[in-house]
Amino acid sequence: MLRHPDASSTLEDLTQPRFLPVMPDREVTDAKRILIASGKVGHDLKAELRKRKDSNTAILFLDQCSTRCRVPEISAAFAAHPNAREVVWVQEEPRNMGPFF
């Protein structure tokens, strides 16, 4: 993913004063479903949603999964989609190997 266009940052992103551990979906404005993903699986999902022309699903990227919970940032991303009725965690690894819990 190092040189993949979907993994690049905009100039606006580079002017931020700090690393953004939670990246909201800027392409979807009024989602009915929010997928939370990290890493390559999120980019694969985004490509599939574009292919299907799905404008009802937003992908929230967690770029830094750690024991420190990012509740304020995640809550702000959820608030951008007030009509969302489903939130799904997505990971490639088996349930007991990724950050599922």
Protein backbone atom coordinates (compact mmCIF):
# COMPACT_ATOMS: atom_id res chain seq x y z
CA MET A 1 0.00 0.00 0.00
CA LEU A 2 3.05 2.30 0.17
CA ARG A 3 2.55 3.75 -3.32
CA HIS A 4 -1.13 3.00 -3.77
CA PRO A 5 -3.15 6.15 -4.66
CA ASP A 6 -5.85 5.33 -2.09
CA ALA A 7 -3.27 5.35 0.68
CA SER A 8 -1.93 8.81 -0.14
CA SER A 9 -2.70 12.00 1.77
CA THR A 10 -3.93 15.33 0.49
CA LEU A 11 -2.01 18.55 1.12
CA GLU A 12 -4.74 19.50 3.59
CA ASP A 13 -4.05 16.29 5.54
CA LEU A 14 -0.36 17.17 5.73
CA THR A 15 -1.11 20.55 7.31
CA GLN A 16 -2.78 18.97 10.34
CA PRO A 17 -0.89 19.54 13.59
CA ARG A 18 -0.90 15.82 14.46
CA PHE A 19 -1.40 12.32 13.14
CA LEU A 20 -5.09 11.47 12.64
CA PRO A 21 -5.77 8.01 14.07
CA VAL A 22 -9.38 8.05 12.83
CA MET A 23 -10.04 8.91 9.18
CA PRO A 24 -13.70 9.56 8.31
CA ASP A 25 -15.12 8.81 4.87
CA ARG A 26 -15.14 12.06 2.89
CA GLU A 27 -16.86 10.59 -0.16
CA VAL A 28 -20.13 9.47 1.47
CA THR A 29 -22.31 12.21 2.96
CA ASP A 30 -25.36 10.38 4.33
CA ALA A 31 -24.58 6.75 5.07
CA LYS A 32 -27.03 4.12 6.26
CA ARG A 33 -24.18 1.75 7.22
CA ILE A 34 -20.71 2.46 8.62
CA LEU A 35 -17.87 -0.02 8.24
CA ILE A 36 -14.93 0.33 10.61
CA ALA A 37 -11.71 -1.05 9.16
CA SER A 38 -7.96 -0.78 9.39
CA GLY A 39 -5.30 -1.28 6.75
CA LYS A 40 -5.55 -2.89 3.35
CA VAL A 41 -8.97 -4.46 3.92
CA GLY A 42 -10.46 -0.97 4.20
CA HIS A 43 -8.99 0.05 0.85
CA ASP A 44 -10.26 -3.17 -0.73
CA LEU A 45 -13.74 -2.44 0.65
CA LYS A 46 -13.64 1.12 -0.68
CA ALA A 47 -12.74 -0.15 -4.17
CA GLU A 48 -15.62 -2.64 -4.03
CA LEU A 49 -18.09 0.04 -2.91
CA ARG A 50 -16.99 2.26 -5.81
CA LYS A 51 -17.42 -0.63 -8.22
CA ARG A 52 -20.95 -1.26 -6.91
CA LYS A 53 -21.74 2.48 -6.85
CA ASP A 54 -22.79 2.12 -3.21
CA SER A 55 -23.38 5.57 -1.72
CA ASN A 56 -25.10 4.29 1.43
CA THR A 57 -22.02 2.80 3.10
CA ALA A 58 -19.22 4.83 4.67
CA ILE A 59 -15.86 3.42 5.71
CA LEU A 60 -14.23 4.73 8.87
CA PHE A 61 -10.50 3.97 8.92
CA LEU A 62 -8.78 3.35 12.23
CA ASP A 63 -5.17 4.02 11.30
CA GLN A 64 -3.87 3.40 14.79
CA CYS A 65 -5.41 0.51 16.69
CA SER A 66 -4.23 0.50 20.28
CA THR A 67 -5.50 -0.01 23.78
CA ARG A 68 -6.12 3.74 23.98
CA CYS A 69 -9.73 4.16 22.93
CA ARG A 70 -10.55 6.88 20.38
CA VAL A 71 -14.12 7.49 21.51
CA PRO A 72 -14.30 11.26 20.78
CA GLU A 73 -12.92 10.88 17.24
CA ILE A 74 -15.12 7.87 16.47
CA SER A 75 -18.19 9.62 17.91
CA ALA A 76 -17.53 12.66 15.70
CA ALA A 77 -17.27 10.41 12.63
CA PHE A 78 -20.56 8.72 13.56
CA ALA A 79 -22.24 12.11 14.07
CA ALA A 80 -21.49 12.95 10.43
CA HIS A 81 -23.90 10.15 9.45
CA PRO A 82 -26.99 10.62 11.65
CA ASN A 83 -29.09 8.23 9.53
CA ALA A 84 -26.69 5.31 9.92
CA ARG A 85 -28.44 2.35 11.52
CA GLU A 86 -25.72 -0.28 11.25
CA VAL A 87 -22.07 -0.24 12.35
CA VAL A 88 -19.84 -3.16 11.37
CA TRP A 89 -16.24 -3.93 12.40
CA VAL A 90 -14.27 -5.49 9.50
CA GLN A 91 -10.93 -7.28 9.74
CA GLU A 92 -9.02 -9.77 7.62
CA GLU A 93 -7.63 -11.76 10.52
CA PRO A 94 -9.56 -14.41 12.41
CA ARG A 95 -11.55 -13.05 15.32
CA ASN A 96 -8.96 -14.04 17.93
CA MET A 97 -5.98 -12.51 16.07
CA GLY A 98 -7.02 -8.94 15.19
CA PRO A 99 -8.20 -6.01 17.31
CA PHE A 100 -11.82 -7.29 17.34
CA PHE A 101 -12.17 -7.15 21.11
